[in-house]
Amino acid sequence: MAYPDIISLLRTYLLAAPVSLGVTVASRVPDPRPTQWLQLRRVGGTQQRPVRDQPRIDAIVWDDDEPGAWTLADKVRRAIHDLAGTTKLGPMVYRVDEFLGPTFSDDTVAGAVRVMATYSISVRADDAIAR
């Protein structure tokens, strides 16, 4: 079965106008690592029969100061919630739930400020019809 590549779809959506966050959006740490950027990673989820996938996505904002991280995290939060009931990703997004709201988590190794949140996105998976 094939499911939508939610990370690729979210990345494209968040980089495009009018959503454009004005920062690097990646699934892995870029080299060189920018000061301010957004990391998206799939951290699980479930299939919803017969034609839905419900991935859980971490959205981790990195910055060198706390106000900047919180501001970007809020923009990401609003943009992801704005997907509910639309086809802005391509496939239909039925619902967006916040599993873990934005929370502060600094990275002492990199010396960066992080704000992370986890979202559950119910998306149509036409090619994954389960019986």
Foldseek 3Di string as FASTA:
>chain_A
DDFDPVLVLLQVLCCDPPNPLVAAEEQDQDVVHDQWYWHKDWDAFQADPFWKTKTKIKIKIKHLDDVVQVVSLVSSVVSQQVQDQHCSSPFHWPGKDWPFHWDWDADPVVNITMIMTMMIIITTGVVRGDD
